[in-house]
Amino acid sequence: MKLTQKQRDQLWAEQWPYSEARISDEKSARNTEIFKSNHYQNAQVRYGFA
């Protein structure tokens, strides 16, 4: 999705962003041959309140 300049400007409040993003990785090793990796991305994008 491509945002216009106006939409990009509306992602920010007067002093802080409206939007939030959280990215986390979980990695674990069961033994020397089995590895597990989980990647999580959560975002809340709010705009249009200006």
C-alpha atoms as a PDB file:
ATOM      1  CA  MET A   1       0.000   0.000   0.000  1.00  0.00           C
ATOM      2  CA  LYS A   2       1.418   3.355  -0.965  1.00  0.00           C
ATOM      3  CA  LEU A   3       0.524   6.350   1.211  1.00  0.00           C
ATOM      4  CA  THR A   4       0.115   9.895   0.027  1.00  0.00           C
ATOM      5  CA  GLN A   5       2.055  12.672   1.747  1.00  0.00           C
ATOM      6  CA  LYS A   6      -1.134  13.769   3.537  1.00  0.00           C
ATOM      7  CA  GLN A   7      -1.700  10.223   4.863  1.00  0.00           C
ATOM      8  CA  ARG A   8       1.922  10.019   6.046  1.00  0.00           C
ATOM      9  CA  ASP A   9       1.544  13.367   7.833  1.00  0.00           C
ATOM     10  CA  GLN A  10      -1.615  12.117   9.580  1.00  0.00           C
ATOM     11  CA  LEU A  11       0.287   9.201  11.137  1.00  0.00           C
ATOM     12  CA  TRP A  12       1.834  11.684  13.573  1.00  0.00           C
ATOM     13  CA  ALA A  13       0.219  13.719  16.338  1.00  0.00           C
ATOM     14  CA  GLU A  14       1.464  17.085  17.488  1.00  0.00           C
ATOM     15  CA  GLN A  15       4.189  15.536  19.654  1.00  0.00           C
ATOM     16  CA  TRP A  16       4.140  11.744  19.205  1.00  0.00           C
ATOM     17  CA  PRO A  17       3.040   9.099  16.692  1.00  0.00           C
ATOM     18  CA  TYR A  18      -0.506   7.744  16.605  1.00  0.00           C
ATOM     19  CA  SER A  19       0.795   4.423  15.364  1.00  0.00           C
ATOM     20  CA  GLU A  20       2.448   1.656  17.343  1.00  0.00           C
ATOM     21  CA  ALA A  21       4.487  -1.323  16.218  1.00  0.00           C
ATOM     22  CA  ARG A  22       5.958  -4.233  18.137  1.00  0.00           C
ATOM     23  CA  ILE A  23       8.368  -6.728  16.636  1.00  0.00           C
ATOM     24  CA  SER A  24       9.725  -9.639  18.648  1.00  0.00           C
ATOM     25  CA  ASP A  25      11.682 -12.815  18.031  1.00  0.00           C
ATOM     26  CA  GLU A  26      11.652 -15.975  20.116  1.00  0.00           C
ATOM     27  CA  LYS A  27      14.395 -18.534  19.595  1.00  0.00           C
ATOM     28  CA  SER A  28      14.970 -21.797  21.417  1.00  0.00           C
ATOM     29  CA  ALA A  29      17.123 -24.883  20.986  1.00  0.00           C
ATOM     30  CA  ARG A  30      15.769 -28.310  21.893  1.00  0.00           C
ATOM     31  CA  ASN A  31      19.140 -29.952  21.333  1.00  0.00           C
ATOM     32  CA  THR A  32      22.067 -29.528  18.914  1.00  0.00           C
ATOM     33  CA  GLU A  33      19.912 -30.474  15.901  1.00  0.00           C
ATOM     34  CA  ILE A  34      16.478 -28.946  16.570  1.00  0.00           C
ATOM     35  CA  PHE A  35      15.948 -25.199  16.704  1.00  0.00           C
ATOM     36  CA  LYS A  36      12.728 -23.221  16.880  1.00  0.00           C
ATOM     37  CA  SER A  37      12.322 -19.603  15.818  1.00  0.00           C
ATOM     38  CA  ASN A  38       9.124 -17.509  16.010  1.00  0.00           C
ATOM     39  CA  HIS A  39       8.802 -13.993  14.639  1.00  0.00           C
ATOM     40  CA  TYR A  40       5.910 -11.758  15.687  1.00  0.00           C
ATOM     41  CA  GLN A  41       4.870  -8.424  14.180  1.00  0.00           C
ATOM     42  CA  ASN A  42       1.987  -6.468  15.640  1.00  0.00           C
ATOM     43  CA  ALA A  43       0.949  -3.014  14.458  1.00  0.00           C
ATOM     44  CA  GLN A  44      -1.813  -0.557  15.208  1.00  0.00           C
ATOM     45  CA  VAL A  45      -1.964   2.182  12.610  1.00  0.00           C
ATOM     46  CA  ARG A  46      -4.254   5.082  13.394  1.00  0.00           C
ATOM     47  CA  TYR A  47      -4.615   8.118  11.211  1.00  0.00           C
ATOM     48  CA  GLY A  48      -7.197  10.607  10.090  1.00  0.00           C
ATOM     49  CA  PHE A  49      -7.742  12.247  13.468  1.00  0.00           C
ATOM     50  CA  ALA A  50      -6.061  15.523  12.528  1.00  0.00           C
END
